[in-house]
Protein backbone atom coordinates (compact mmCIF):
# COMPACT_ATOMS: atom_id res chain seq x y z
CA UNK A 1 -112.00 195.84 209.55
CA UNK A 2 -108.78 193.99 210.27
CA UNK A 3 -107.25 190.61 211.05
CA UNK A 4 -104.20 190.65 213.30
CA UNK A 5 -101.72 187.85 213.99
CA UNK A 6 -100.24 189.06 217.26
CA UNK A 7 -96.93 187.57 218.41
CA UNK A 8 -98.11 184.30 216.85
CA UNK A 9 -96.09 181.08 216.92
CA UNK A 10 -97.42 178.23 214.80
CA UNK A 11 -96.56 174.55 214.55
CA UNK A 12 -97.34 171.19 216.09
CA UNK A 13 -94.44 170.45 218.43
CA UNK A 14 -92.09 173.35 217.81
CA UNK A 15 -92.43 176.76 216.12
CA UNK A 16 -92.12 176.76 212.34
CA UNK A 17 -90.59 180.24 212.33
CA UNK A 18 -87.63 181.54 214.34
CA UNK A 19 -89.50 184.63 215.47
CA UNK A 20 -93.17 185.06 216.27
CA UNK A 21 -95.42 186.47 213.56
CA UNK A 22 -96.90 189.92 214.04
CA UNK A 23 -98.97 190.98 211.03
CA UNK A 24 -102.06 193.14 210.60
CA UNK A 25 -104.25 192.73 207.50
CA UNK A 26 -106.53 195.68 206.87
CA UNK A 27 -109.44 195.64 204.43
CA UNK A 28 -109.61 195.92 201.50
CA UNK A 29 -106.60 193.73 200.82
CA UNK A 30 -105.49 190.83 198.65
CA UNK A 31 -102.45 189.11 200.18
CA UNK A 32 -100.44 186.36 198.48
CA UNK A 33 -98.83 183.80 200.80
CA UNK A 34 -95.65 182.23 199.40
CA UNK A 35 -93.32 179.50 200.65
CA UNK A 36 -91.92 176.14 199.66
CA UNK A 37 -93.90 172.96 200.37
CA UNK A 38 -93.77 171.96 204.02
CA UNK A 39 -92.68 175.40 205.22
CA UNK A 40 -95.88 176.14 207.15
CA UNK A 41 -98.35 177.86 204.81
CA UNK A 42 -101.15 175.36 205.39
CA UNK A 43 -100.36 175.22 209.12
CA UNK A 44 -100.76 178.99 209.31
CA UNK A 45 -104.11 178.78 207.50
CA UNK A 46 -105.29 175.93 209.74
CA UNK A 47 -104.31 177.96 212.80
CA UNK A 48 -106.40 180.89 211.64
CA UNK A 49 -109.21 178.41 210.88
CA UNK A 50 -109.06 177.21 214.53
CA UNK A 51 -108.16 173.69 213.39
CA UNK A 52 -104.66 173.88 214.92
CA UNK A 53 -104.11 175.75 218.20
CA UNK A 54 -101.37 178.40 218.20
CA UNK A 55 -98.25 177.58 220.19
CA UNK A 56 -98.19 181.15 221.44
CA UNK A 57 -99.78 184.51 220.74
CA UNK A 58 -103.26 185.27 219.53
CA UNK A 59 -105.34 185.97 216.43
CA UNK A 60 -107.58 189.01 216.60
CA UNK A 61 -110.49 189.97 214.37
CA UNK A 62 -111.53 193.56 214.98
CA UNK A 63 -109.88 193.47 218.43
CA UNK A 64 -111.60 190.23 219.47
CA UNK A 65 -109.71 186.96 219.89
CA UNK A 66 -111.14 184.51 217.36
CA UNK A 67 -111.23 181.81 220.03
CA UNK A 68 -114.01 183.81 221.71
CA UNK A 69 -116.21 183.94 218.59
CA UNK A 70 -119.06 181.41 218.39
CA UNK A 71 -118.84 178.77 215.65
CA UNK A 72 -121.81 180.14 213.72
CA UNK A 73 -120.56 183.72 213.88
CA UNK A 74 -117.05 182.57 212.93
CA UNK A 75 -118.52 180.89 209.82
CA UNK A 76 -120.16 184.20 208.89
CA UNK A 77 -116.87 186.08 209.18
CA UNK A 78 -114.28 183.57 207.93
CA UNK A 79 -114.36 181.29 204.88
CA UNK A 80 -111.64 178.78 204.00
CA UNK A 81 -110.70 176.70 200.98
CA UNK A 82 -108.21 173.90 201.60
CA UNK A 83 -106.19 171.90 199.10
CA UNK A 84 -107.70 168.54 200.05
CA UNK A 85 -110.52 167.83 197.61
CA UNK A 86 -113.73 166.86 199.46
CA UNK A 87 -115.76 163.88 198.27
CA UNK A 88 -118.75 165.57 196.70
CA UNK A 89 -119.15 163.50 193.55
CA UNK A 90 -122.86 162.82 194.14
CA UNK A 91 -123.62 166.54 194.17
CA UNK A 92 -124.28 168.99 191.37
CA UNK A 93 -122.13 172.08 190.96
CA UNK A 94 -125.00 174.16 192.38
CA UNK A 95 -125.15 171.86 195.42
CA UNK A 96 -121.44 172.45 196.02
CA UNK A 97 -121.71 176.24 195.82
CA UNK A 98 -124.81 176.09 198.04
CA UNK A 99 -122.69 174.63 200.85
CA UNK A 100 -121.29 178.14 201.27
CA UNK A 101 -124.72 179.29 202.40
CA UNK A 102 -124.83 176.81 205.31
CA UNK A 103 -124.30 179.43 208.07
CA UNK A 104 -127.40 181.29 206.87
CA UNK A 105 -129.82 178.43 206.19
CA UNK A 106 -132.77 178.23 208.59
CA UNK A 107 -133.93 175.18 210.53
CA UNK A 108 -135.90 173.76 207.57
CA UNK A 109 -132.71 173.42 205.51
CA UNK A 110 -134.15 175.16 202.47
CA UNK A 111 -132.36 177.73 200.37
CA UNK A 112 -134.09 181.10 200.21
CA UNK A 113 -134.50 183.12 197.03
CA UNK A 114 -131.66 185.32 198.31
CA UNK A 115 -129.43 182.26 198.74
CA UNK A 116 -130.14 181.18 195.16
CA UNK A 117 -129.38 184.67 193.84
CA UNK A 118 -126.04 184.66 195.66
CA UNK A 119 -125.20 181.19 194.34
CA UNK A 120 -125.95 182.20 190.75
CA UNK A 121 -124.08 185.50 191.15
CA UNK A 122 -120.80 183.92 192.22
CA UNK A 123 -121.18 181.08 189.71
CA UNK A 124 -121.41 183.72 187.00
CA UNK A 125 -118.43 185.81 188.06
CA UNK A 126 -116.28 182.66 188.40
CA UNK A 127 -117.50 181.50 185.00
CA UNK A 128 -119.42 178.29 185.74
CA UNK A 129 -123.00 179.52 185.45
CA UNK A 130 -123.66 177.12 182.53
CA UNK A 131 -122.82 173.99 184.51
CA UNK A 132 -124.80 174.41 187.72
CA UNK A 133 -126.89 171.31 187.02
CA UNK A 134 -123.92 169.12 186.13
CA UNK A 135 -122.89 166.34 188.53
CA UNK A 136 -119.47 167.00 190.06
CA UNK A 137 -118.07 163.76 188.64
CA UNK A 138 -118.78 164.99 185.10
CA UNK A 139 -116.69 168.16 185.25
CA UNK A 140 -112.95 168.65 184.95
CA UNK A 141 -110.64 169.18 187.92
CA UNK A 142 -110.36 172.85 186.95
CA UNK A 143 -114.14 173.30 186.80
CA UNK A 144 -114.52 171.58 190.17
CA UNK A 145 -111.88 173.90 191.64
CA UNK A 146 -113.79 176.92 190.33
CA UNK A 147 -116.94 175.56 191.99
CA UNK A 148 -115.07 175.31 195.30
CA UNK A 149 -113.88 178.92 194.94
CA UNK A 150 -117.45 180.02 194.18
CA UNK A 151 -118.64 178.10 197.27
CA UNK A 152 -116.15 179.96 199.43
CA UNK A 153 -117.17 183.33 197.98
CA UNK A 154 -120.88 182.51 198.39
CA UNK A 155 -120.31 182.27 202.14
CA UNK A 156 -120.01 186.08 202.01
CA UNK A 157 -117.55 186.49 204.84
CA UNK A 158 -115.31 189.41 205.75
CA UNK A 159 -112.16 187.26 205.55
CA UNK A 160 -111.52 184.64 202.87
CA UNK A 161 -108.46 182.40 203.06
CA UNK A 162 -107.64 180.12 200.14
CA UNK A 163 -104.99 177.38 200.20
CA UNK A 164 -103.65 176.89 196.65
CA UNK A 165 -106.85 178.05 194.90
CA UNK A 166 -105.09 178.18 191.51
CA UNK A 167 -104.40 174.43 191.49
CA UNK A 168 -105.83 172.55 188.47
CA UNK A 169 -106.44 175.83 186.58
CA UNK A 170 -104.88 176.68 183.24
CA UNK A 171 -102.85 179.88 182.88
CA UNK A 172 -105.68 182.00 181.41
CA UNK A 173 -108.12 180.87 184.11
CA UNK A 174 -105.58 181.58 186.86
CA UNK A 175 -105.31 185.17 185.66
CA UNK A 176 -109.09 185.52 185.44
CA UNK A 177 -109.61 184.12 188.95
CA UNK A 178 -106.95 186.41 190.44
CA UNK A 179 -108.49 189.46 188.79
CA UNK A 180 -111.94 188.40 190.03
CA UNK A 181 -110.64 188.04 193.59
CA UNK A 182 -109.02 191.47 193.39
CA UNK A 183 -112.29 192.98 192.15
CA UNK A 184 -114.18 191.33 195.04
CA UNK A 185 -111.66 192.69 197.56
CA UNK A 186 -112.23 196.21 196.27
CA UNK A 187 -115.99 196.14 195.68
CA UNK A 188 -116.94 194.14 198.80
CA UNK A 189 -114.25 195.50 201.18
CA UNK A 190 -112.82 192.09 202.06
CA UNK A 191 -109.54 190.60 203.22
CA UNK A 192 -108.50 187.74 200.95
CA UNK A 193 -105.36 185.73 201.68
CA UNK A 194 -104.30 183.07 199.18
CA UNK A 195 -101.35 180.73 199.17
CA UNK A 196 -99.76 180.04 195.81
CA UNK A 197 -96.62 179.03 193.93
CA UNK A 198 -97.49 181.34 191.03
CA UNK A 199 -95.22 184.19 192.09
CA UNK A 200 -95.13 185.98 188.75
CA UNK A 201 -98.93 186.03 188.48
CA UNK A 202 -99.65 187.09 192.05
CA UNK A 203 -97.00 189.76 192.41
CA UNK A 204 -98.71 192.05 189.90
CA UNK A 205 -102.19 191.67 191.40
CA UNK A 206 -101.70 191.19 195.15
CA UNK A 207 -101.57 194.25 197.39
CA UNK A 208 -99.23 192.56 199.85
CA UNK A 209 -97.05 189.45 200.02
CA UNK A 210 -96.46 187.23 203.03
CA UNK A 211 -93.38 185.05 202.60
CA UNK A 212 -92.22 182.17 204.80
CA UNK A 213 -88.72 180.90 203.96
CA UNK A 214 -86.07 179.06 205.97
CA UNK A 215 -87.94 179.63 209.26
CA UNK A 216 -88.12 183.37 208.59
CA UNK A 217 -91.07 185.47 207.50
CA UNK A 218 -91.61 188.81 205.85
CA UNK A 219 -94.79 190.76 205.13
CA UNK A 220 -94.65 193.81 202.89
CA UNK A 221 -96.31 195.46 199.93
CA UNK A 222 -95.74 193.81 196.57
CA UNK A 223 -93.52 196.70 195.50
CA UNK A 224 -91.36 196.60 198.64
CA UNK A 225 -90.86 192.88 198.94
CA UNK A 226 -89.01 192.38 195.68
CA UNK A 227 -86.15 194.48 197.04
CA UNK A 228 -86.03 192.44 200.26
CA UNK A 229 -83.01 190.14 200.62
CA UNK A 230 -85.16 187.34 202.05
CA UNK A 231 -87.36 187.32 198.96
CA UNK A 232 -84.33 187.55 196.66
CA UNK A 233 -82.86 184.50 198.36
CA UNK A 234 -86.14 182.62 198.09
CA UNK A 235 -86.57 183.59 194.43
CA UNK A 236 -83.06 182.40 193.52
CA UNK A 237 -83.40 179.04 195.28
CA UNK A 238 -87.03 178.21 194.56
């Protein structure tokens, strides 16, 4: 299984990088996406999510252009978590995680026993199994963020892309979440791409690093990229 960004140019009016992006993510893989604010990380994620059209090039999933995949099938293959917090305050934590099962729910709108098992499974591995019945407005920002991560995982897709998933989490929880994501990549053969500013945490856990800096990009293994001059420049100025 693979996701390929083929000669891809992203942006709204003009390309955000000087050269087109050509990257192939093979499963299993955990990739950390780095870059300063406003450099194009979220735009790249939105382009893969089909929310922003590419300026040029194409995005392929197992040789098929994602624009040709039906919406329901796309939701079964790709899951996204964005930084903007949705208004879900009238829902319980279980309700929020259950939203990840939407592509699989039948016409009657009811969760199956399998859906409930999946919801409880990911709540447990993220560490919020004891608060499933709590209203969202009664939990901390960090607990809500963990619920959103669990929701994304409960969608059970081949590709998971997370925009700043470590936001609102304390240091210990960040480490736990990263290790959990790495375990999921390995045990469930997934591609997980996450954007972050926590370079020191991600570099020891991520398989690969995708860096956007000063309209340039680089994609290499975690070991290789720290010897790259582009990353050295970014690290010194960030």
